[in-house]
Amino acid sequence: MARIAVIDKSKHHPDKCNWLCVSLCPVNRTGQECIVQGPGKDISIDESTCTGCGICAHRCPFEAIKIINLPQELETEPVHRYGENGFALYRLPIPKFGQVVGIMGRNGIGKSTALKILAGLLKPNLGTKEEVDYDELIKKFRGTEAQNYFQKLKEEKIKIAYKPQKIDTIPKKYKGKVINLLKKVDEKGQLDKIAEQLGLTKILQHDIKTLSGGELQTVAIAATALKDANVYYFDEPSSYLDISQRLKIGKFIRSLANKETAVMVVEHDLIILDYMTDIIHLMYGQAACYGVVSQPMASKVGVNTYLDGYLKSENIRFRDKSIKFMEKGPSQTQYGMELTKWPALSKKLGKFQLETDEGNIKTHEVQGILGPNAIGKTTFVKMLAGIEKPDKGKIDLKMKVSYKPQYVPSDSEDLVINVLQKAIQKYKGALIRPLEIEHLFMKKINELSGGELQRVAIAQCLSEEADLYLLDEPSAYLDVEQRLVASKVINDVMEAKGSSALVVDHDLLFIDYLSHRLLVFEGEPAVKGFVHKPSSMEDGMNKLLKALEITIRREEETKRPRINKEDSVKDR
């Protein structure tokens, strides 16, 4: 059986464990070399002599070692490996001309690595220590679509445009106005047309460093699309965008694919991924250890397979349970006793005016909050939390409130284990384990990735003793599975404590999976916002969908929401 050994060098502390793994390894004790001590703190594991006993992994006090037996069907040679005992990527997704190909999978499973290899930004090494050239790749993938792709890449018949995952680096690289950046990359002469399509006309004269996350994301998508390429790669294009913007971007990305052009997208919002793609590759494996790209399948089948957790074509179960959605009827408007209510409120912030209907929230209930960016959702949540005072209407909640802000502070030197003391003591089974936080305990807050920081913030908020929990965009930076786990955790905590939660988010699938009732915001972004009183899931969703001019159906097998293609029979 093929196996790999992966060492997380950041967790390796031989000065604190006295090289325990070296002394315990059965192969080492017979006189052979398996776990080898290098110069300084360096360490390596010889995978050819490793027996897979797992003693080193189980006994390492810092969980720095993983010994993984690979699926039997998997070829032993990876496409790329990050050094000896590093992360390994097996197989590649391949773009198809005339179609939008999607990639879905957990964080740390190699999605961005695969995109960078295909875009020519990362030279693969086929598991060796040296990078290989296109001739080696063509030889490795002989007889497959990948051979044809790398052949065209070598002959420069393919021109690539790539939108990276991390857009916050853009203001560090480019200075000046948005229009100047877009003019610089406009190889098609379509700046005005694409700016109009993506709703960028109003911000063309703005300085790049003043843009919000959503504006920056849209500018990055526009800059990518303005390049005269025939293969476009988009890594997480919906981050920071609201629902209407996600639909606009989805429609725009779909429009790029034609007979001469291929598009590939990595995305965590399942509704948008399903909406914009024709074909999907799943990626499975073990985060930060190895990732495997599945064979392509139709979008509907791909998403359903992912939710099921079982890849029938490859006989692989990559999750121990399937994810099910419930059909929610209007009867669920009656949910527990009234916990609190608020009157009609009014708040002015600069030129922006927010008005609200009166409303209430019940015990054990989770209310989802939906609406565009800059419409007052965060302001409303802050008023309920007591952080902002309304100009008209008095909030007298007379209860404890726990609040997770939209932007989680990330500059603290505190260790995660210290920040989450309450959660560790009281809610290890309810929060720490399902959110997979245990391995982060010895990390500082300022060392966490976006997804790690988000999970810590959710755990910290829910571990507080409160009557009402306010969570602003808890799905940001989380992968598909983490989003669904987070929604289940929020619901379970409300059920166990008899408390209530208000959750602001832009992922419709997340909100649908999580909520009992909805608060829908309408108005004109940055000018005026209005929030209706809480409504049933059916009424609230219909109100939102009417404003977005789309229709949604529930998929027959999984009951998950799916957007109907525009002007299709089901849409009509």
Protein backbone atom coordinates (compact mmCIF):
# COMPACT_ATOMS: atom_id res chain seq x y z
CA MET A 1 0.00 0.00 0.00
CA ALA A 2 1.30 3.46 -0.95
CA ARG A 3 1.68 5.86 1.94
CA ILE A 4 3.02 9.32 2.58
CA ALA A 5 4.52 10.89 5.69
CA VAL A 6 3.86 14.59 6.21
CA ILE A 7 5.71 16.74 8.74
CA ASP A 8 4.44 20.17 9.80
CA LYS A 9 7.78 21.87 10.52
CA SER A 10 6.06 24.74 12.37
CA LYS A 11 4.82 22.25 15.01
CA HIS A 12 8.12 20.34 15.30
CA HIS A 13 9.82 21.16 18.64
CA PRO A 14 12.57 18.56 19.35
CA ASP A 15 13.98 20.75 22.16
CA LYS A 16 10.71 20.17 24.06
CA CYS A 17 10.20 16.45 23.32
CA ASN A 18 13.83 15.28 23.04
CA TRP A 19 13.32 13.68 19.58
CA LEU A 20 10.66 11.28 20.89
CA CYS A 21 9.65 10.16 17.37
CA VAL A 22 13.24 9.13 16.51
CA SER A 23 13.64 7.02 19.66
CA LEU A 24 10.19 5.35 19.38
CA CYS A 25 10.25 4.40 15.67
CA PRO A 26 10.35 0.54 15.42
CA VAL A 27 12.34 0.70 12.16
CA ASN A 28 14.97 2.95 13.78
CA ARG A 29 15.21 0.52 16.71
CA THR A 30 16.11 -2.35 14.35
CA GLY A 31 19.13 -0.35 13.16
CA GLN A 32 17.64 0.86 9.86
CA GLU A 33 16.94 4.51 9.08
CA CYS A 34 13.33 5.69 8.86
CA ILE A 35 12.98 8.89 10.94
CA VAL A 36 16.20 10.76 10.35
CA GLN A 37 17.50 13.60 12.53
CA GLY A 38 19.06 16.30 10.37
CA PRO A 39 21.15 19.37 11.20
CA GLY A 40 19.62 21.72 13.80
CA LYS A 41 15.92 20.95 14.25
CA ASP A 42 15.56 19.36 10.81
CA ILE A 43 13.85 15.98 10.51
CA SER A 44 12.76 13.70 7.66
CA ILE A 45 10.90 10.40 7.29
CA ASP A 46 11.95 7.86 4.66
CA GLU A 47 8.61 6.74 3.18
CA SER A 48 10.18 3.68 1.54
CA THR A 49 11.20 2.16 4.91
CA CYS A 50 8.16 3.44 6.91
CA THR A 51 5.86 0.53 7.90
CA GLY A 52 2.88 2.78 8.56
CA CYS A 53 2.63 1.75 12.22
CA GLY A 54 1.72 5.35 13.16
CA ILE A 55 3.53 5.29 16.53
CA CYS A 56 5.42 8.51 15.75
CA ALA A 57 2.20 10.30 14.74
CA HIS A 58 0.24 9.11 17.81
CA ARG A 59 2.98 9.85 20.32
CA CYS A 60 4.14 13.23 18.96
CA PRO A 61 3.00 15.70 21.67
CA PHE A 62 2.67 18.52 19.11
CA GLU A 63 0.84 16.53 16.38
CA ALA A 64 3.57 17.48 13.90
CA ILE A 65 3.57 14.12 12.05
CA LYS A 66 0.90 12.50 9.86
CA ILE A 67 1.32 9.01 8.37
CA ILE A 68 -1.33 8.48 5.68
CA ASN A 69 -2.20 5.31 3.78
CA LEU A 70 -3.34 6.46 0.33
CA PRO A 71 -6.38 4.98 -1.48
CA GLN A 72 -5.32 1.88 -3.45
CA GLU A 73 -6.70 3.29 -6.72
CA LEU A 74 -4.35 6.30 -6.49
CA GLU A 75 -1.17 6.36 -8.51
CA THR A 76 1.85 6.75 -6.27
CA GLU A 77 3.48 9.64 -8.13
CA PRO A 78 2.00 13.06 -7.27
CA VAL A 79 1.80 15.93 -9.75
CA HIS A 80 3.47 18.20 -7.20
CA ARG A 81 4.91 17.93 -3.73
CA TYR A 82 6.05 20.77 -1.48
CA GLY A 83 9.42 19.27 -0.58
CA GLU A 84 10.26 16.08 1.30
CA ASN A 85 7.45 15.09 3.70
CA GLY A 86 5.37 18.02 2.44
CA PHE A 87 1.86 18.38 0.98
CA ALA A 88 1.23 16.23 -2.13
CA LEU A 89 -1.22 16.93 -4.97
CA TYR A 90 -2.50 14.03 -7.09
CA ARG A 91 -4.03 14.54 -10.55
CA LEU A 92 -5.14 17.83 -12.12
CA PRO A 93 -8.45 19.31 -13.26
CA ILE A 94 -8.37 20.32 -16.91
CA PRO A 95 -10.14 23.32 -18.48
CA LYS A 96 -12.61 22.61 -21.32
CA PHE A 97 -13.17 25.08 -24.14
CA GLY A 98 -16.72 26.36 -24.32
CA GLN A 99 -17.44 25.40 -20.70
CA VAL A 100 -17.02 26.69 -17.15
CA VAL A 101 -15.28 24.06 -15.00
CA GLY A 102 -15.65 24.31 -11.21
CA ILE A 103 -13.42 22.97 -8.42
CA MET A 104 -14.82 22.34 -4.95
CA GLY A 105 -13.26 20.96 -1.79
CA ARG A 106 -12.03 21.79 1.68
CA ASN A 107 -9.47 24.49 2.52
CA GLY A 108 -5.86 23.23 2.43
CA ILE A 109 -6.65 20.44 -0.04
CA GLY A 110 -4.67 21.88 -3.00
CA LYS A 111 -7.28 23.78 -5.07
CA SER A 112 -5.16 26.93 -5.43
CA THR A 113 -2.04 24.80 -6.05
CA ALA A 114 -3.81 23.04 -8.96
CA LEU A 115 -4.88 26.39 -10.44
CA LYS A 116 -1.37 27.84 -10.14
CA ILE A 117 0.14 24.81 -11.95
CA LEU A 118 -2.39 25.09 -14.80
CA ALA A 119 -1.86 28.86 -15.01
CA GLY A 120 1.92 28.37 -15.26
CA LEU A 121 2.57 30.24 -12.00
CA LEU A 122 3.92 27.14 -10.24
CA LYS A 123 6.23 24.65 -11.92
CA PRO A 124 5.27 21.12 -10.77
CA ASN A 125 7.95 18.61 -9.70
CA LEU A 126 6.11 15.26 -10.06
CA GLY A 127 7.07 14.45 -6.47
CA THR A 128 10.81 14.90 -7.05
CA LYS A 129 13.06 17.64 -5.71
CA GLU A 130 13.43 19.37 -9.08
CA GLU A 131 10.88 21.28 -11.17
CA VAL A 132 10.03 19.56 -14.47
CA ASP A 133 9.55 21.10 -17.92
CA TYR A 134 6.54 20.81 -20.23
CA ASP A 135 8.06 17.80 -22.05
CA GLU A 136 8.04 15.80 -18.78
CA LEU A 137 4.42 16.82 -18.09
CA ILE A 138 3.36 15.88 -21.63
CA LYS A 139 5.04 12.49 -21.15
CA LYS A 140 3.37 11.93 -17.74
CA PHE A 141 -0.12 12.79 -19.01
CA ARG A 142 0.18 10.96 -22.35
CA GLY A 143 -3.21 9.85 -23.67
CA THR A 144 -5.21 12.30 -21.53
CA GLU A 145 -6.70 15.77 -22.05
CA ALA A 146 -3.90 17.13 -19.84
CA GLN A 147 -1.35 16.11 -22.50
CA ASN A 148 -3.14 18.25 -25.08
CA TYR A 149 -3.37 21.18 -22.63
CA PHE A 150 0.34 21.19 -21.72
CA GLN A 151 1.27 20.70 -25.41
CA LYS A 152 -0.66 23.89 -26.27
CA LEU A 153 0.87 25.67 -23.28
CA LYS A 154 4.37 24.71 -24.47
CA GLU A 155 3.62 25.90 -28.01
CA GLU A 156 2.17 29.16 -26.58
CA LYS A 157 -1.21 28.48 -28.18
CA ILE A 158 -2.84 29.11 -24.80
CA LYS A 159 -2.86 32.55 -23.22
CA ILE A 160 -3.82 32.64 -19.55
CA ALA A 161 -5.49 35.18 -17.25
CA TYR A 162 -5.54 34.41 -13.52
CA LYS A 163 -7.42 36.05 -10.65
CA PRO A 164 -5.70 35.13 -7.37
CA GLN A 165 -7.48 34.17 -4.15
CA LYS A 166 -5.87 36.90 -2.04
CA ILE A 167 -7.05 40.23 -3.41
CA ASP A 168 -5.92 42.27 -0.38
CA THR A 169 -2.40 42.39 -1.90
CA ILE A 170 -3.66 44.47 -4.87
CA PRO A 171 -3.43 47.90 -3.09
CA LYS A 172 0.17 47.01 -2.09
CA LYS A 173 1.16 46.35 -5.72
CA TYR A 174 -0.82 49.06 -7.53
CA LYS A 175 -1.20 52.73 -6.64
CA GLY A 176 -3.55 55.30 -8.10
CA LYS A 177 -7.07 55.28 -9.55
CA VAL A 178 -9.10 52.19 -10.52
CA ILE A 179 -9.45 53.41 -14.13
CA ASN A 180 -5.66 53.64 -14.55
CA LEU A 181 -5.16 50.05 -13.35
CA LEU A 182 -7.90 48.75 -15.68
CA LYS A 183 -6.54 50.76 -18.64
CA LYS A 184 -3.12 49.22 -18.06
CA VAL A 185 -4.48 45.64 -18.37
CA ASP A 186 -7.18 46.28 -21.01
CA GLU A 187 -6.04 44.19 -23.98
CA LYS A 188 -9.55 43.82 -25.44
CA GLY A 189 -10.54 47.50 -25.55
CA GLN A 190 -13.68 46.65 -23.55
CA LEU A 191 -13.06 48.64 -20.36
CA ASP A 192 -16.31 50.67 -20.56
CA LYS A 193 -18.43 47.62 -21.44
CA ILE A 194 -17.05 45.38 -18.66
CA ALA A 195 -17.12 48.21 -16.08
CA GLU A 196 -20.82 48.68 -16.92
CA GLN A 197 -21.53 44.92 -16.74
CA LEU A 198 -19.87 44.58 -13.32
CA GLY A 199 -21.23 47.82 -11.86
CA LEU A 200 -17.83 49.52 -11.58
CA THR A 201 -18.67 52.78 -13.39
CA LYS A 202 -19.21 54.76 -10.15
CA ILE A 203 -15.83 53.82 -8.66
CA LEU A 204 -13.54 54.18 -11.70
CA GLN A 205 -12.17 57.49 -10.35
CA HIS A 206 -11.66 56.12 -6.80
CA ASP A 207 -8.18 55.43 -5.42
CA ILE A 208 -7.46 51.68 -5.16
CA LYS A 209 -6.42 51.95 -1.50
CA THR A 210 -9.89 53.31 -0.55
CA LEU A 211 -11.86 50.38 -2.01
CA SER A 212 -13.91 47.98 0.15
CA GLY A 213 -13.34 44.21 -0.06
CA GLY A 214 -16.30 43.75 -2.44
CA GLU A 215 -15.14 46.59 -4.73
CA LEU A 216 -11.59 45.21 -4.76
CA GLN A 217 -12.89 41.75 -5.69
CA THR A 218 -14.94 43.14 -8.59
CA VAL A 219 -11.97 45.18 -9.86
CA ALA A 220 -9.79 42.03 -9.74
CA ILE A 221 -12.40 40.10 -11.78
CA ALA A 222 -12.66 42.95 -14.30
CA ALA A 223 -8.84 43.18 -14.62
CA THR A 224 -8.66 39.42 -15.29
CA ALA A 225 -11.47 39.48 -17.87
CA LEU A 226 -9.94 42.47 -19.72
CA LYS A 227 -6.87 40.41 -20.64
CA ASP A 228 -7.03 38.93 -24.13
CA ALA A 229 -6.75 35.30 -22.96
CA ASN A 230 -8.35 32.03 -24.03
CA VAL A 231 -8.18 30.35 -20.59
CA TYR A 232 -9.43 32.25 -17.53
CA TYR A 233 -8.85 31.12 -13.94
CA PHE A 234 -10.83 32.61 -11.02
CA ASP A 235 -9.85 31.65 -7.47
CA GLU A 236 -12.76 32.33 -5.06
CA PRO A 237 -14.45 35.17 -7.02
CA SER A 238 -17.46 35.55 -4.65
CA SER A 239 -15.56 36.46 -1.45
CA TYR A 240 -16.66 39.84 0.03
CA LEU A 241 -19.58 40.09 -2.44
CA ASP A 242 -23.27 40.28 -1.54
CA ILE A 243 -25.93 38.02 -3.10
CA SER A 244 -26.85 40.33 -5.99
CA GLN A 245 -23.16 40.91 -6.79
CA ARG A 246 -22.50 37.14 -6.68
CA LEU A 247 -25.27 36.53 -9.22
CA LYS A 248 -23.94 39.32 -11.45
CA ILE A 249 -20.40 37.89 -11.26
CA GLY A 250 -21.70 34.34 -11.86
CA LYS A 251 -23.56 35.45 -14.99
CA PHE A 252 -20.52 37.42 -16.19
CA ILE A 253 -18.08 34.51 -15.69
CA ARG A 254 -20.48 32.19 -17.56
CA SER A 255 -20.53 34.66 -20.48
CA LEU A 256 -16.73 34.40 -20.91
CA ALA A 257 -16.83 30.73 -22.03
CA ASN A 258 -17.18 30.05 -25.77
CA LYS A 259 -15.71 27.72 -28.42
CA GLU A 260 -12.33 29.50 -28.24
CA THR A 261 -12.34 30.19 -24.48
CA ALA A 262 -12.24 28.00 -21.35
CA VAL A 263 -13.00 29.12 -17.78
CA MET A 264 -12.10 27.45 -14.46
CA VAL A 265 -13.41 28.55 -11.05
CA VAL A 266 -12.64 27.63 -7.43
CA GLU A 267 -15.61 28.55 -5.22
CA HIS A 268 -17.09 27.74 -1.78
CA ASP A 269 -20.59 29.16 -2.31
CA LEU A 270 -22.34 26.03 -3.62
CA ILE A 271 -25.39 27.84 -5.03
CA ILE A 272 -23.21 30.22 -7.07
CA LEU A 273 -20.77 27.44 -8.10
CA ASP A 274 -23.69 25.31 -9.34
CA TYR A 275 -25.19 28.36 -11.11
CA MET A 276 -22.07 29.33 -13.07
CA THR A 277 -20.47 25.96 -13.94
CA ASP A 278 -21.14 23.18 -16.46
CA ILE A 279 -18.71 20.63 -15.00
CA ILE A 280 -17.25 20.11 -11.52
CA HIS A 281 -14.15 18.37 -10.15
CA LEU A 282 -14.30 17.40 -6.46
CA MET A 283 -11.12 17.47 -4.40
CA TYR A 284 -10.73 15.14 -1.44
CA GLY A 285 -7.89 14.01 0.84
CA GLN A 286 -6.57 15.38 4.11
CA ALA A 287 -6.08 19.11 4.65
CA ALA A 288 -2.41 20.19 4.62
CA CYS A 289 -1.34 16.58 3.85
CA TYR A 290 -2.57 15.54 0.41
CA GLY A 291 -5.29 16.32 -2.12
CA VAL A 292 -6.78 14.28 -4.97
CA VAL A 293 -8.70 15.65 -7.96
CA SER A 294 -11.73 13.56 -8.97
CA GLN A 295 -12.86 12.81 -12.50
CA PRO A 296 -15.12 15.54 -13.95
CA MET A 297 -18.91 15.29 -13.56
CA ALA A 298 -21.95 17.43 -14.37
CA SER A 299 -22.42 20.29 -11.88
CA LYS A 300 -25.63 18.92 -10.35
CA VAL A 301 -24.10 15.45 -9.90
CA GLY A 302 -20.85 16.93 -8.55
CA VAL A 303 -22.51 19.02 -5.83
CA ASN A 304 -24.82 16.14 -4.82
CA THR A 305 -21.84 13.74 -4.66
CA TYR A 306 -19.96 16.22 -2.48
CA LEU A 307 -22.89 16.53 -0.08
CA ASP A 308 -23.25 12.73 -0.01
CA GLY A 309 -19.55 12.28 0.87
CA TYR A 310 -19.16 9.19 -1.34
CA LEU A 311 -17.47 9.18 -4.74
CA LYS A 312 -19.11 6.19 -6.42
CA SER A 313 -16.97 6.21 -9.59
CA GLU A 314 -13.77 5.87 -7.51
CA ASN A 315 -15.29 3.95 -4.56
CA ILE A 316 -14.00 6.57 -2.11
CA ARG A 317 -15.84 7.74 1.02
CA PHE A 318 -14.26 11.10 1.90
CA ARG A 319 -16.73 12.04 4.67
CA ASP A 320 -18.31 9.71 7.23
CA LYS A 321 -21.80 11.20 6.87
CA SER A 322 -23.86 12.87 4.17
CA ILE A 323 -25.23 16.41 4.43
CA LYS A 324 -29.02 16.67 4.19
CA PHE A 325 -31.26 19.72 3.74
CA MET A 326 -34.81 20.04 5.05
CA GLU A 327 -37.85 21.34 3.21
CA LYS A 328 -39.06 24.18 5.41
CA GLY A 329 -42.73 25.14 5.35
CA PRO A 330 -44.49 28.25 6.63
CA SER A 331 -45.43 26.39 9.83
CA GLN A 332 -41.99 27.13 11.23
CA THR A 333 -42.86 30.76 11.95
CA GLN A 334 -44.04 29.52 15.37
CA TYR A 335 -40.79 28.68 17.12
CA GLY A 336 -40.52 28.88 20.92
CA MET A 337 -41.57 31.72 23.23
CA GLU A 338 -40.81 35.38 22.54
CA LEU A 339 -37.32 36.20 23.85
CA THR A 340 -37.34 39.91 23.05
CA LYS A 341 -38.69 42.49 20.63
CA TRP A 342 -37.55 45.82 19.20
CA PRO A 343 -39.59 48.86 18.06
CA ALA A 344 -39.37 50.65 14.69
CA LEU A 345 -35.87 52.18 14.61
CA SER A 346 -34.13 54.94 12.68
CA LYS A 347 -30.40 55.68 12.33
CA LYS A 348 -28.50 58.17 10.16
CA LEU A 349 -24.82 57.62 9.38
CA GLY A 350 -23.45 60.44 7.21
CA LYS A 351 -25.58 60.38 4.04
CA PHE A 352 -26.96 56.90 4.79
CA GLN A 353 -30.39 56.47 6.43
CA LEU A 354 -31.57 53.17 7.98
CA GLU A 355 -35.22 52.53 8.92
CA THR A 356 -36.58 49.32 10.46
CA ASP A 357 -39.95 47.72 11.11
CA GLU A 358 -40.66 46.48 14.63
CA GLY A 359 -39.67 42.85 15.17
CA ASN A 360 -39.09 40.06 17.61
CA ILE A 361 -37.03 36.93 18.13
CA LYS A 362 -38.03 33.73 19.90
CA THR A 363 -36.15 31.30 22.13
CA HIS A 364 -34.20 28.50 20.38
CA GLU A 365 -34.53 30.50 17.15
CA VAL A 366 -31.96 31.45 14.51
CA GLN A 367 -32.91 34.35 12.24
CA GLY A 368 -30.99 34.87 9.02
CA ILE A 369 -30.33 38.43 7.83
CA LEU A 370 -30.12 38.95 4.06
CA GLY A 371 -29.55 41.96 1.81
CA PRO A 372 -26.96 43.80 -0.31
CA ASN A 373 -23.70 45.30 1.00
CA ALA A 374 -23.89 48.87 2.44
CA ILE A 375 -27.62 48.53 3.20
CA GLY A 376 -27.33 48.75 7.03
CA LYS A 377 -27.21 45.09 8.15
CA THR A 378 -24.10 45.55 10.32
CA THR A 379 -25.48 48.86 11.69
CA PHE A 380 -28.72 47.09 12.68
CA VAL A 381 -26.80 44.29 14.42
CA LYS A 382 -24.62 46.88 16.23
CA MET A 383 -27.75 48.70 17.46
CA LEU A 384 -29.12 45.47 18.92
CA ALA A 385 -25.70 44.78 20.49
CA GLY A 386 -25.68 48.25 22.09
CA ILE A 387 -22.58 49.35 20.14
CA GLU A 388 -24.57 51.95 18.12
CA LYS A 389 -27.47 54.04 19.51
CA PRO A 390 -30.56 54.57 17.28
CA ASP A 391 -31.66 58.18 16.55
CA LYS A 392 -35.33 57.19 16.88
CA GLY A 393 -36.77 54.28 18.85
CA LYS A 394 -35.40 52.89 22.07
CA ILE A 395 -33.83 49.45 22.37
CA ASP A 396 -34.25 47.96 25.80
CA LEU A 397 -33.20 44.34 25.34
CA LYS A 398 -32.58 43.72 29.07
CA MET A 399 -30.46 40.71 28.23
CA LYS A 400 -26.90 39.58 27.70
CA VAL A 401 -25.68 39.87 24.12
CA SER A 402 -22.62 38.17 22.57
CA TYR A 403 -21.39 39.74 19.30
CA LYS A 404 -19.03 38.48 16.59
CA PRO A 405 -18.09 41.41 14.32
CA GLN A 406 -17.81 41.25 10.53
CA TYR A 407 -14.07 42.03 10.62
CA VAL A 408 -12.42 39.96 13.34
CA PRO A 409 -9.37 41.69 14.94
CA SER A 410 -6.28 39.69 13.96
CA ASP A 411 -3.35 41.62 15.46
CA SER A 412 -3.33 40.01 18.92
CA GLU A 413 -0.25 38.18 20.25
CA ASP A 414 -2.48 36.01 22.49
CA LEU A 415 -2.44 32.25 22.07
CA VAL A 416 -5.69 30.64 20.88
CA ILE A 417 -5.72 28.41 24.00
CA ASN A 418 -5.87 31.53 26.20
CA VAL A 419 -8.55 33.28 24.14
CA LEU A 420 -10.80 30.20 24.18
CA GLN A 421 -10.45 29.22 27.86
CA LYS A 422 -14.24 29.33 28.42
CA ALA A 423 -14.98 27.30 25.28
CA ILE A 424 -12.34 24.67 26.17
CA GLN A 425 -13.64 24.24 29.72
CA LYS A 426 -17.38 24.11 28.92
CA TYR A 427 -17.92 23.40 25.23
CA LYS A 428 -15.16 21.11 23.99
CA GLY A 429 -17.66 18.69 22.43
CA ALA A 430 -20.06 21.37 21.18
CA LEU A 431 -17.58 23.91 19.75
CA ILE A 432 -13.88 22.97 19.83
CA ARG A 433 -14.13 19.53 18.19
CA PRO A 434 -16.68 20.21 15.44
CA LEU A 435 -14.96 23.49 14.47
CA GLU A 436 -11.57 21.65 14.48
CA ILE A 437 -9.77 24.18 16.66
CA GLU A 438 -7.71 21.88 18.90
CA HIS A 439 -4.63 21.89 16.65
CA LEU A 440 -4.62 25.73 16.72
CA PHE A 441 -4.27 26.04 20.52
CA MET A 442 -0.56 26.94 20.52
CA LYS A 443 -0.81 29.41 17.62
CA LYS A 444 -0.97 33.18 18.16
CA ILE A 445 -4.08 34.99 16.89
CA ASN A 446 -1.93 37.01 14.44
CA GLU A 447 -0.58 33.75 12.93
CA LEU A 448 -4.00 32.36 11.95
CA SER A 449 -5.34 32.18 8.40
CA GLY A 450 -8.69 33.82 7.58
CA GLY A 451 -10.63 30.56 7.99
CA GLU A 452 -8.86 29.66 11.26
CA LEU A 453 -9.50 33.14 12.70
CA GLN A 454 -13.18 32.92 11.73
CA ARG A 455 -13.65 29.56 13.48
CA VAL A 456 -11.93 30.86 16.64
CA ALA A 457 -14.18 33.97 16.60
CA ILE A 458 -17.34 31.84 16.21
CA ALA A 459 -16.26 29.58 19.12
CA GLN A 460 -15.42 32.59 21.31
CA CYS A 461 -18.78 34.27 20.58
CA LEU A 462 -20.86 31.12 21.21
CA SER A 463 -18.95 30.19 24.40
CA GLU A 464 -20.09 33.40 26.13
CA GLU A 465 -23.14 33.11 28.39
CA ALA A 466 -25.76 35.19 26.57
CA ASP A 467 -29.45 35.29 25.68
CA LEU A 468 -28.89 36.65 22.17
CA TYR A 469 -25.96 35.87 19.85
CA LEU A 470 -25.22 38.24 16.95
CA LEU A 471 -22.90 36.86 14.26
CA ASP A 472 -21.88 39.07 11.34
CA GLU A 473 -20.76 37.09 8.24
CA PRO A 474 -19.59 33.91 10.03
CA SER A 475 -19.15 32.00 6.71
CA ALA A 476 -16.41 34.32 5.36
CA TYR A 477 -13.17 32.39 4.57
CA LEU A 478 -14.76 29.04 5.51
CA ASP A 479 -14.88 26.16 3.03
CA VAL A 480 -18.12 24.34 2.11
CA GLU A 481 -17.92 21.76 4.90
CA GLN A 482 -16.84 24.28 7.53
CA ARG A 483 -19.83 26.48 6.61
CA LEU A 484 -22.28 23.63 7.08
CA VAL A 485 -20.56 22.55 10.32
CA ALA A 486 -20.66 26.15 11.61
CA SER A 487 -24.40 26.41 10.84
CA LYS A 488 -25.08 23.13 12.68
CA VAL A 489 -22.96 24.27 15.65
CA ILE A 490 -24.88 27.59 15.88
CA ASN A 491 -28.23 25.75 15.80
CA ASP A 492 -27.12 23.13 18.34
CA VAL A 493 -25.89 25.79 20.80
CA MET A 494 -29.19 27.73 20.53
CA GLU A 495 -31.13 24.52 21.11
CA ALA A 496 -29.00 23.49 24.10
CA LYS A 497 -28.96 26.93 25.78
CA GLY A 498 -32.49 28.04 24.91
CA SER A 499 -30.89 31.18 23.46
CA SER A 500 -31.41 32.89 20.09
CA ALA A 501 -29.18 34.06 17.25
CA LEU A 502 -29.24 36.66 14.50
CA VAL A 503 -26.87 35.78 11.64
CA VAL A 504 -25.87 38.13 8.79
CA ASP A 505 -24.52 36.31 5.72
CA HIS A 506 -24.43 36.33 1.91
CA ASP A 507 -24.29 32.56 1.29
CA LEU A 508 -27.90 31.56 0.54
CA LEU A 509 -27.20 27.85 1.12
CA PHE A 510 -25.67 28.63 4.54
CA ILE A 511 -28.63 30.84 5.51
CA ASP A 512 -31.14 28.24 4.25
CA TYR A 513 -29.42 25.46 6.22
CA LEU A 514 -29.26 27.59 9.36
CA SER A 515 -32.35 29.78 9.70
CA HIS A 516 -35.90 29.43 11.01
CA ARG A 517 -37.02 32.92 9.94
CA LEU A 518 -35.56 35.74 7.83
CA LEU A 519 -34.95 39.49 8.13
CA VAL A 520 -34.72 40.92 4.60
CA PHE A 521 -33.09 44.33 3.94
CA GLU A 522 -34.06 46.41 0.91
CA GLY A 523 -33.18 49.89 -0.34
CA GLU A 524 -30.35 51.65 -2.15
CA PRO A 525 -26.81 50.71 -1.00
CA ALA A 526 -24.96 53.58 0.76
CA VAL A 527 -28.09 55.80 0.50
CA LYS A 528 -31.01 54.22 2.37
CA GLY A 529 -31.89 50.85 3.86
CA PHE A 530 -35.11 49.37 5.19
CA VAL A 531 -35.57 46.12 7.13
CA HIS A 532 -38.95 44.39 7.20
CA LYS A 533 -40.21 42.59 10.29
CA PRO A 534 -39.10 38.91 10.55
CA SER A 535 -40.89 36.66 8.06
CA SER A 536 -41.15 32.93 7.40
CA MET A 537 -38.39 31.34 5.30
CA GLU A 538 -40.79 31.07 2.35
CA ASP A 539 -42.02 34.69 2.44
CA GLY A 540 -38.58 36.13 3.22
CA MET A 541 -36.83 34.17 0.48
CA ASN A 542 -39.53 35.07 -2.07
CA LYS A 543 -39.15 38.77 -1.15
CA LEU A 544 -35.38 38.54 -1.71
CA LEU A 545 -35.64 36.50 -4.94
CA LYS A 546 -38.16 38.97 -6.39
CA ALA A 547 -35.72 41.83 -5.75
CA LEU A 548 -32.89 39.78 -7.33
CA GLU A 549 -35.13 38.78 -10.28
CA ILE A 550 -34.30 35.08 -9.98
CA THR A 551 -36.18 31.91 -9.02
CA ILE A 552 -34.97 28.97 -6.95
CA ARG A 553 -36.13 25.36 -6.72
CA ARG A 554 -35.26 22.58 -4.29
CA GLU A 555 -33.20 19.80 -5.85
CA GLU A 556 -35.14 16.51 -5.79
CA GLU A 557 -32.57 14.26 -4.05
CA THR A 558 -30.86 16.50 -1.49
CA LYS A 559 -33.52 19.27 -1.13
CA ARG A 560 -30.71 21.86 -1.50
CA PRO A 561 -31.68 25.18 -3.15
CA ARG A 562 -30.68 25.60 -6.83
CA ILE A 563 -31.01 28.73 -8.98
CA ASN A 564 -33.07 28.15 -12.12
CA LYS A 565 -31.31 29.08 -15.36
CA GLU A 566 -32.73 32.36 -16.66
CA ASP A 567 -35.88 31.95 -18.81
CA SER A 568 -35.81 28.15 -18.44
CA VAL A 569 -39.11 26.24 -18.10
CA LYS A 570 -38.70 26.07 -14.30
CA ASP A 571 -37.74 29.75 -14.12
CA ARG A 572 -40.88 30.75 -16.06
